[in-house]
PDB file of N, CA and C in Angstrom:
ATOM      1  N   MET A   1      81.702  27.109 -74.718  1.00  0.00           N
ATOM      2  CA  MET A   1      82.686  27.379 -75.746  1.00  0.00           C
ATOM      3  C   MET A   1      83.559  26.136 -75.936  1.00  0.00           C
ATOM      4  N   ALA A   2      84.077  25.970 -77.134  1.00  0.00           N
ATOM      5  CA  ALA A   2      84.851  24.784 -77.476  1.00  0.00           C
ATOM      6  C   ALA A   2      86.183  24.752 -76.740  1.00  0.00           C
ATOM      7  N   ASN A   3      86.741  23.564 -76.630  1.00  0.00           N
ATOM      8  CA  ASN A   3      88.045  23.397 -75.993  1.00  0.00           C
ATOM      9  C   ASN A   3      89.190  23.480 -76.993  1.00  0.00           C
ATOM     10  N   ILE A   4      88.892  23.344 -78.263  1.00  0.00           N
ATOM     11  CA  ILE A   4      89.928  23.326 -79.295  1.00  0.00           C
ATOM     12  C   ILE A   4      90.344  24.757 -79.604  1.00  0.00           C
ATOM     13  N   LYS A   5      91.647  24.977 -79.660  1.00  0.00           N
ATOM     14  CA  LYS A   5      92.189  26.326 -79.823  1.00  0.00           C
ATOM     15  C   LYS A   5      91.680  26.996 -81.106  1.00  0.00           C
ATOM     16  N   GLN A   6      91.719  26.267 -82.213  1.00  0.00           N
ATOM     17  CA  GLN A   6      91.275  26.832 -83.484  1.00  0.00           C
ATOM     18  C   GLN A   6      89.786  27.188 -83.428  1.00  0.00           C
ATOM     19  N   GLN A   7      89.008  26.369 -82.753  1.00  0.00           N
ATOM     20  CA  GLN A   7      87.569  26.638 -82.660  1.00  0.00           C
ATOM     21  C   GLN A   7      87.302  27.870 -81.811  1.00  0.00           C
ATOM     22  N   LYS A   8      88.108  28.063 -80.767  1.00  0.00           N
ATOM     23  CA  LYS A   8      87.973  29.273 -79.952  1.00  0.00           C
ATOM     24  C   LYS A   8      88.228  30.510 -80.809  1.00  0.00           C
ATOM     25  N   LYS A   9      89.246  30.411 -81.655  1.00  0.00           N
ATOM     26  CA  LYS A   9      89.575  31.526 -82.544  1.00  0.00           C
ATOM     27  C   LYS A   9      88.426  31.777 -83.531  1.00  0.00           C
ATOM     28  N   ARG A  10      87.847  30.699 -84.063  1.00  0.00           N
ATOM     29  CA  ARG A  10      86.739  30.835 -85.015  1.00  0.00           C
ATOM     30  C   ARG A  10      85.537  31.517 -84.359  1.00  0.00           C
ATOM     31  N   VAL A  11      85.271  31.182 -83.120  1.00  0.00           N
ATOM     32  CA  VAL A  11      84.151  31.795 -82.404  1.00  0.00           C
ATOM     33  C   VAL A  11      84.369  33.304 -82.315  1.00  0.00           C
ATOM     34  N   LEU A  12      85.596  33.700 -82.001  1.00  0.00           N
ATOM     35  CA  LEU A  12      85.906  35.131 -81.884  1.00  0.00           C
ATOM     36  C   LEU A  12      85.810  35.848 -83.231  1.00  0.00           C
ATOM     37  N   THR A  13      86.376  35.236 -84.284  1.00  0.00           N
ATOM     38  CA  THR A  13      86.340  35.890 -85.595  1.00  0.00           C
ATOM     39  C   THR A  13      84.922  35.923 -86.152  1.00  0.00           C
ATOM     40  N   ASN A  14      84.149  34.871 -85.890  1.00  0.00           N
ATOM     41  CA  ASN A  14      82.761  34.866 -86.354  1.00  0.00           C
ATOM     42  C   ASN A  14      81.968  35.989 -85.715  1.00  0.00           C
ATOM     43  N   GLU A  15      82.192  36.228 -84.432  1.00  0.00           N
ATOM     44  CA  GLU A  15      81.491  37.305 -83.739  1.00  0.00           C
ATOM     45  C   GLU A  15      81.901  38.662 -84.297  1.00  0.00           C
ATOM     46  N   LYS A  16      83.191  38.821 -84.579  1.00  0.00           N
ATOM     47  CA  LYS A  16      83.686  40.075 -85.148  1.00  0.00           C
ATOM     48  C   LYS A  16      83.036  40.336 -86.502  1.00  0.00           C
ATOM     49  N   ARG A  17      82.963  39.301 -87.334  1.00  0.00           N
ATOM     50  CA  ARG A  17      82.337  39.432 -88.658  1.00  0.00           C
ATOM     51  C   ARG A  17      80.843  39.695 -88.544  1.00  0.00           C
ATOM     52  N   ARG A  18      80.206  39.027 -87.581  1.00  0.00           N
ATOM     53  CA  ARG A  18      78.769  39.232 -87.389  1.00  0.00           C
ATOM     54  C   ARG A  18      78.485  40.690 -87.042  1.00  0.00           C
ATOM     55  N   GLN A  19      79.296  41.257 -86.162  1.00  0.00           N
ATOM     56  CA  GLN A  19      79.118  42.655 -85.779  1.00  0.00           C
ATOM     57  C   GLN A  19      79.330  43.582 -86.974  1.00  0.00           C
ATOM     58  N   ARG A  20      80.363  43.306 -87.780  1.00  0.00           N
ATOM     59  CA  ARG A  20      80.639  44.134 -88.957  1.00  0.00           C
ATOM     60  C   ARG A  20      79.496  44.034 -89.962  1.00  0.00           C
ATOM     61  N   ASN A  21      79.030  42.808 -90.213  1.00  0.00           N
ATOM     62  CA  ASN A  21      77.937  42.608 -91.163  1.00  0.00           C
ATOM     63  C   ASN A  21      76.669  43.303 -90.691  1.00  0.00           C
ATOM     64  N   LYS A  22      76.411  43.234 -89.386  1.00  0.00           N
ATOM     65  CA  LYS A  22      75.223  43.869 -88.822  1.00  0.00           C
ATOM     66  C   LYS A  22      75.276  45.380 -89.035  1.00  0.00           C
ATOM     67  N   SER A  23      76.443  45.955 -88.815  1.00  0.00           N
ATOM     68  CA  SER A  23      76.625  47.397 -88.990  1.00  0.00           C
ATOM     69  C   SER A  23      76.407  47.810 -90.442  1.00  0.00           C
ATOM     70  N   ILE A  24      77.001  47.056 -91.365  1.00  0.00           N
ATOM     71  CA  ILE A  24      76.867  47.376 -92.789  1.00  0.00           C
ATOM     72  C   ILE A  24      75.422  47.206 -93.240  1.00  0.00           C
ATOM     73  N   ARG A  25      74.787  46.112 -92.813  1.00  0.00           N
ATOM     74  CA  ARG A  25      73.392  45.849 -93.199  1.00  0.00           C
ATOM     75  C   ARG A  25      72.473  46.953 -92.694  1.00  0.00           C
ATOM     76  N   SER A  26      72.713  47.398 -91.477  1.00  0.00           N
ATOM     77  CA  SER A  26      71.916  48.468 -90.888  1.00  0.00           C
ATOM     78  C   SER A  26      72.085  49.768 -91.667  1.00  0.00           C
ATOM     79  N   ALA A  27      73.320  50.086 -92.046  1.00  0.00           N
ATOM     80  CA  ALA A  27      73.590  51.311 -92.799  1.00  0.00           C
ATOM     81  C   ALA A  27      72.891  51.274 -94.161  1.00  0.00           C
ATOM     82  N   VAL A  28      72.920  50.112 -94.805  1.00  0.00           N
ATOM     83  CA  VAL A  28      72.262  49.971 -96.115  1.00  0.00           C
ATOM     84  C   VAL A  28      70.753  50.165 -95.968  1.00  0.00           C
ATOM     85  N   ARG A  29      70.178  49.528 -94.947  1.00  0.00           N
ATOM     86  CA  ARG A  29      68.730  49.647 -94.734  1.00  0.00           C
ATOM     87  C   ARG A  29      68.332  51.092 -94.460  1.00  0.00           C
ATOM     88  N   THR A  30      69.181  51.805 -93.716  1.00  0.00           N
ATOM     89  CA  THR A  30      68.897  53.208 -93.416  1.00  0.00           C
ATOM     90  C   THR A  30      68.868  54.026 -94.698  1.00  0.00           C
ATOM     91  N   GLU A  31      69.841  53.815 -95.581  1.00  0.00           N
ATOM     92  CA  GLU A  31      69.883  54.571 -96.841  1.00  0.00           C
ATOM     93  C   GLU A  31      68.686  54.232 -97.726  1.00  0.00           C
ATOM     94  N   ILE A  32      68.278  52.971 -97.748  1.00  0.00           N
ATOM     95  CA  ILE A  32      67.106  52.588 -98.542  1.00  0.00           C
ATOM     96  C   ILE A  32      65.852  53.231 -97.961  1.00  0.00           C
ATOM     97  N   ARG A  33      65.765  53.257 -96.637  1.00  0.00           N
ATOM     98  CA  ARG A  33      64.607  53.897 -95.990  1.00  0.00           C
ATOM     99  C   ARG A  33      64.573  55.389 -96.317  1.00  0.00           C
ATOM    100  N   LYS A  34      65.720  56.056 -96.289  1.00  0.00           N
ATOM    101  CA  LYS A  34      65.780  57.481 -96.634  1.00  0.00           C
ATOM    102  C   LYS A  34      65.340  57.704 -98.074  1.00  0.00           C
ATOM    103  N   PHE A  35      65.750  56.792 -98.982  1.00  0.00           N
ATOM    104  CA  PHE A  35      65.325  56.896-100.372  1.00  0.00           C
ATOM    105  C   PHE A  35      63.809  56.764-100.485  1.00  0.00           C
ATOM    106  N   ASN A  36      63.247  55.779 -99.784  1.00  0.00           N
ATOM    107  CA  ASN A  36      61.794  55.569 -99.841  1.00  0.00           C
ATOM    108  C   ASN A  36      61.039  56.777 -99.289  1.00  0.00           C
ATOM    109  N   GLU A  37      61.575  57.393 -98.242  1.00  0.00           N
ATOM    110  CA  GLU A  37      60.940  58.587 -97.684  1.00  0.00           C
ATOM    111  C   GLU A  37      60.981  59.735 -98.689  1.00  0.00           C
ATOM    112  N   ALA A  38      62.100  59.877 -99.406  1.00  0.00           N
ATOM    113  CA  ALA A  38      62.213  60.944-100.413  1.00  0.00           C
ATOM    114  C   ALA A  38      61.227  60.713-101.550  1.00  0.00           C
ATOM    115  N   VAL A  39      61.050  59.457-101.932  1.00  0.00           N
ATOM    116  CA  VAL A  39      60.097  59.139-103.009  1.00  0.00           C
ATOM    117  C   VAL A  39      58.677  59.445-102.553  1.00  0.00           C
ATOM    118  N   GLU A  40      58.341  59.056-101.327  1.00  0.00           N
ATOM    119  CA  GLU A  40      56.990  59.295-100.817  1.00  0.00           C
ATOM    120  C   GLU A  40      56.689  60.782-100.686  1.00  0.00           C
ATOM    121  N   SER A  41      57.704  61.573-100.329  1.00  0.00           N
ATOM    122  CA  SER A  41      57.489  63.014-100.181  1.00  0.00           C
ATOM    123  C   SER A  41      57.419  63.715-101.538  1.00  0.00           C
ATOM    124  N   GLY A  42      57.892  63.037-102.592  1.00  0.00           N
ATOM    125  CA  GLY A  42      57.824  63.615-103.926  1.00  0.00           C
ATOM    126  C   GLY A  42      59.013  64.490-104.264  1.00  0.00           C
ATOM    127  N   ASP A  43      60.048  64.485-103.451  1.00  0.00           N
ATOM    128  CA  ASP A  43      61.237  65.308-103.679  1.00  0.00           C
ATOM    129  C   ASP A  43      62.168  64.569-104.637  1.00  0.00           C
ATOM    130  N   GLN A  44      62.125  64.950-105.907  1.00  0.00           N
ATOM    131  CA  GLN A  44      62.864  64.209-106.929  1.00  0.00           C
ATOM    132  C   GLN A  44      64.377  64.391-106.793  1.00  0.00           C
ATOM    133  N   ALA A  45      64.826  65.595-106.440  1.00  0.00           N
ATOM    134  CA  ALA A  45      66.264  65.839-106.300  1.00  0.00           C
ATOM    135  C   ALA A  45      66.840  65.016-105.152  1.00  0.00           C
ATOM    136  N   ALA A  46      66.150  65.019-104.020  1.00  0.00           N
ATOM    137  CA  ALA A  46      66.619  64.253-102.867  1.00  0.00           C
ATOM    138  C   ALA A  46      66.587  62.759-103.174  1.00  0.00           C
ATOM    139  N   ALA A  47      65.553  62.310-103.866  1.00  0.00           N
ATOM    140  CA  ALA A  47      65.439  60.892-104.213  1.00  0.00           C
ATOM    141  C   ALA A  47      66.580  60.479-105.142  1.00  0.00           C
ATOM    142  N   SER A  48      66.932  61.346-106.076  1.00  0.00           N
ATOM    143  CA  SER A  48      68.030  61.060-107.002  1.00  0.00           C
ATOM    144  C   SER A  48      69.344  60.912-106.245  1.00  0.00           C
ATOM    145  N   ASP A  49      69.611  61.853-105.340  1.00  0.00           N
ATOM    146  CA  ASP A  49      70.839  61.786-104.546  1.00  0.00           C
ATOM    147  C   ASP A  49      70.850  60.531-103.680  1.00  0.00           C
ATOM    148  N   GLN A  50      69.720  60.249-103.059  1.00  0.00           N
ATOM    149  CA  GLN A  50      69.637  59.109-102.145  1.00  0.00           C
ATOM    150  C   GLN A  50      69.745  57.791-102.904  1.00  0.00           C
ATOM    151  N   LEU A  51      69.234  57.757-104.126  1.00  0.00           N
ATOM    152  CA  LEU A  51      69.366  56.555-104.956  1.00  0.00           C
ATOM    153  C   LEU A  51      70.837  56.260-105.205  1.00  0.00           C
ATOM    154  N   ARG A  52      71.598  57.302-105.512  1.00  0.00           N
ATOM    155  CA  ARG A  52      73.034  57.142-105.757  1.00  0.00           C
ATOM    156  C   ARG A  52      73.746  56.637-104.497  1.00  0.00           C
ATOM    157  N   VAL A  53      73.433  57.255-103.357  1.00  0.00           N
ATOM    158  CA  VAL A  53      74.077  56.871-102.098  1.00  0.00           C
ATOM    159  C   VAL A  53      73.737  55.425-101.737  1.00  0.00           C
ATOM    160  N   ALA A  54      72.466  55.080-101.842  1.00  0.00           N
ATOM    161  CA  ALA A  54      72.031  53.727-101.478  1.00  0.00           C
ATOM    162  C   ALA A  54      72.654  52.682-102.409  1.00  0.00           C
ATOM    163  N   SER A  55      72.754  53.004-103.690  1.00  0.00           N
ATOM    164  CA  SER A  55      73.345  52.066-104.641  1.00  0.00           C
ATOM    165  C   SER A  55      74.816  51.816-104.319  1.00  0.00           C
ATOM    166  N   ARG A  56      75.522  52.881-103.967  1.00  0.00           N
ATOM    167  CA  ARG A  56      76.934  52.732-103.604  1.00  0.00           C
ATOM    168  C   ARG A  56      77.083  51.883-102.339  1.00  0.00           C
ATOM    169  N   LYS A  57      76.213  52.130-101.365  1.00  0.00           N
ATOM    170  CA  LYS A  57      76.275  51.348-100.116  1.00  0.00           C
ATOM    171  C   LYS A  57      76.010  49.873-100.413  1.00  0.00           C
ATOM    172  N   LEU A  58      75.037  49.607-101.272  1.00  0.00           N
ATOM    173  CA  LEU A  58      74.736  48.217-101.627  1.00  0.00           C
ATOM    174  C   LEU A  58      75.927  47.561-102.321  1.00  0.00           C
ATOM    175  N   ASP A  59      76.553  48.288-103.246  1.00  0.00           N
ATOM    176  CA  ASP A  59      77.702  47.731-103.956  1.00  0.00           C
ATOM    177  C   ASP A  59      78.848  47.422-102.997  1.00  0.00           C
ATOM    178  N   LYS A  60      79.074  48.320-102.049  1.00  0.00           N
ATOM    179  CA  LYS A  60      80.143  48.083-101.082  1.00  0.00           C
ATOM    180  C   LYS A  60      79.807  46.895-100.178  1.00  0.00           C
ATOM    181  N   ALA A  61      78.532  46.757 -99.832  1.00  0.00           N
ATOM    182  CA  ALA A  61      78.111  45.628 -99.001  1.00  0.00           C
ATOM    183  C   ALA A  61      78.320  44.312 -99.742  1.00  0.00           C
ATOM    184  N   VAL A  62      78.127  44.330-101.058  1.00  0.00           N
ATOM    185  CA  VAL A  62      78.355  43.121-101.856  1.00  0.00           C
ATOM    186  C   VAL A  62      79.831  42.757-101.831  1.00  0.00           C
ATOM    187  N   THR A  63      80.713  43.747-101.966  1.00  0.00           N
ATOM    188  CA  THR A  63      82.142  43.445-101.965  1.00  0.00           C
ATOM    189  C   THR A  63      82.601  42.918-100.607  1.00  0.00           C
ATOM    190  N   LYS A  64      81.917  43.322 -99.531  1.00  0.00           N
ATOM    191  CA  LYS A  64      82.239  42.825 -98.198  1.00  0.00           C
ATOM    192  C   LYS A  64      81.619  41.455 -97.935  1.00  0.00           C
ATOM    193  N   GLY A  65      80.716  41.018 -98.812  1.00  0.00           N
ATOM    194  CA  GLY A  65      80.093  39.717 -98.638  1.00  0.00           C
ATOM    195  C   GLY A  65      78.863  39.741 -97.748  1.00  0.00           C
ATOM    196  N   VAL A  66      78.320  40.927 -97.503  1.00  0.00           N
ATOM    197  CA  VAL A  66      77.148  41.028 -96.633  1.00  0.00           C
ATOM    198  C   VAL A  66      75.882  40.654 -97.399  1.00  0.00           C
ATOM    199  N   PHE A  67      75.780  41.102 -98.655  1.00  0.00           N
ATOM    200  CA  PHE A  67      74.650  40.771 -99.522  1.00  0.00           C
ATOM    201  C   PHE A  67      75.165  40.007-100.733  1.00  0.00           C
ATOM    202  N   HIS A  68      74.344  39.125-101.264  1.00  0.00           N
ATOM    203  CA  HIS A  68      74.645  38.477-102.530  1.00  0.00           C
ATOM    204  C   HIS A  68      74.447  39.500-103.637  1.00  0.00           C
ATOM    205  N   ARG A  69      75.231  39.386-104.703  1.00  0.00           N
ATOM    206  CA  ARG A  69      75.168  40.413-105.756  1.00  0.00           C
ATOM    207  C   ARG A  69      73.798  40.478-106.422  1.00  0.00           C
ATOM    208  N   ASN A  70      73.116  39.347-106.549  1.00  0.00           N
ATOM    209  CA  ASN A  70      71.787  39.364-107.164  1.00  0.00           C
ATOM    210  C   ASN A  70      70.769  40.039-106.247  1.00  0.00           C
ATOM    211  N   ASN A  71      70.912  39.829-104.948  1.00  0.00           N
ATOM    212  CA  ASN A  71      70.026  40.466-103.980  1.00  0.00           C
ATOM    213  C   ASN A  71      70.188  41.985-104.064  1.00  0.00           C
ATOM    214  N   ALA A  72      71.428  42.444-104.117  1.00  0.00           N
ATOM    215  CA  ALA A  72      71.694  43.882-104.221  1.00  0.00           C
ATOM    216  C   ALA A  72      71.166  44.421-105.552  1.00  0.00           C
ATOM    217  N   ALA A  73      71.333  43.663-106.619  1.00  0.00           N
ATOM    218  CA  ALA A  73      70.853  44.097-107.934  1.00  0.00           C
ATOM    219  C   ALA A  73      69.333  44.242-107.922  1.00  0.00           C
ATOM    220  N   ASN A  74      68.647  43.304-107.259  1.00  0.00           N
ATOM    221  CA  ASN A  74      67.187  43.390-107.168  1.00  0.00           C
ATOM    222  C   ASN A  74      66.758  44.619-106.383  1.00  0.00           C
ATOM    223  N   LYS A  75      67.463  44.896-105.288  1.00  0.00           N
ATOM    224  CA  LYS A  75      67.128  46.070-104.477  1.00  0.00           C
ATOM    225  C   LYS A  75      67.343  47.355-105.281  1.00  0.00           C
ATOM    226  N   LYS A  76      68.449  47.433-106.012  1.00  0.00           N
ATOM    227  CA  LYS A  76      68.738  48.621-106.817  1.00  0.00           C
ATOM    228  C   LYS A  76      67.711  48.771-107.939  1.00  0.00           C
ATOM    229  N   SER A  77      67.328  47.651-108.525  1.00  0.00           N
ATOM    230  CA  SER A  77      66.338  47.672-109.593  1.00  0.00           C
ATOM    231  C   SER A  77      64.994  48.187-109.083  1.00  0.00           C
ATOM    232  N   ASN A  78      64.585  47.721-107.911  1.00  0.00           N
ATOM    233  CA  ASN A  78      63.320  48.177-107.334  1.00  0.00           C
ATOM    234  C   ASN A  78      63.361  49.667-107.012  1.00  0.00           C
ATOM    235  N   MET A  79      64.496  50.131-106.518  1.00  0.00           N
ATOM    236  CA  MET A  79      64.622  51.559-106.220  1.00  0.00           C
ATOM    237  C   MET A  79      64.577  52.387-107.498  1.00  0.00           C
ATOM    238  N   ALA A  80      65.275  51.919-108.539  1.00  0.00           N
ATOM    239  CA  ALA A  80      65.281  52.635-109.817  1.00  0.00           C
ATOM    240  C   ALA A  80      63.874  52.681-110.404  1.00  0.00           C
ATOM    241  N   ARG A  81      63.138  51.584-110.282  1.00  0.00           N
ATOM    242  CA  ARG A  81      61.771  51.534-110.796  1.00  0.00           C
ATOM    243  C   ARG A  81      60.889  52.538-110.050  1.00  0.00           C
ATOM    244  N   ALA A  82      61.044  52.600-108.728  1.00  0.00           N
ATOM    245  CA  ALA A  82      60.269  53.551-107.935  1.00  0.00           C
ATOM    246  C   ALA A  82      60.620  54.985-108.308  1.00  0.00           C
ATOM    247  N   PHE A  83      61.907  55.230-108.554  1.00  0.00           N
ATOM    248  CA  PHE A  83      62.345  56.588-108.923  1.00  0.00           C
ATOM    249  C   PHE A  83      61.783  56.979-110.285  1.00  0.00           C
ATOM    250  N   ASN A  84      61.832  56.048-111.244  1.00  0.00           N
ATOM    251  CA  ASN A  84      61.320  56.341-112.586  1.00  0.00           C
ATOM    252  C   ASN A  84      59.810  56.528-112.586  1.00  0.00           C
ATOM    253  N   LYS A  85      59.116  55.752-111.773  1.00  0.00           N
ATOM    254  CA  LYS A  85      57.668  55.905-111.660  1.00  0.00           C
ATOM    255  C   LYS A  85      57.326  57.272-111.082  1.00  0.00           C
ATOM    256  N   MET A  86      58.189  57.750-110.191  1.00  0.00           N
ATOM    257  CA  MET A  86      58.002  59.060-109.565  1.00  0.00           C
ATOM    258  C   MET A  86      58.062  60.165-110.631  1.00  0.00           C
ATOM    259  N   GLY A  87      58.931  60.014-111.639  1.00  0.00           N
ATOM    260  CA  GLY A  87      59.074  61.019-112.686  1.00  0.00           C
ATOM    261  C   GLY A  87      57.888  61.059-113.631  1.00  0.00           C
ATOM    262  N   GLU A  88      57.158  59.952-113.747  1.00  0.00           N
ATOM    263  CA  GLU A  88      56.006  59.893-114.648  1.00  0.00           C
ATOM    264  C   GLU A  88      54.843  60.728-114.132  1.00  0.00           C
ATOM    265  N   ASN A  89      54.712  60.784-112.797  1.00  0.00           N
ATOM    266  CA  ASN A  89      53.553  61.466-112.214  1.00  0.00           C
ATOM    267  C   ASN A  89      53.626  62.949-112.357  1.00  0.00           C
TER     268      ASN A  89
END
């Protein structure tokens, strides 16, 4: 660990942020996985609800700086496409 006081503080805050980002990223991935499972099972109502939940989680992750806004937009777009394809069948 560094000897400089400010650097010691940065190491601590970086670890705190890393833990927070990891938690948020994990929660987002879980919601996306639940959405994909609902789509695969063919449950349109559950998929619709899960799409809403996952989209909100992604938006909140963007505001926290965990995901870039374009990355989140791409993920939401892919989920919406999968949901719409599900309705065609």
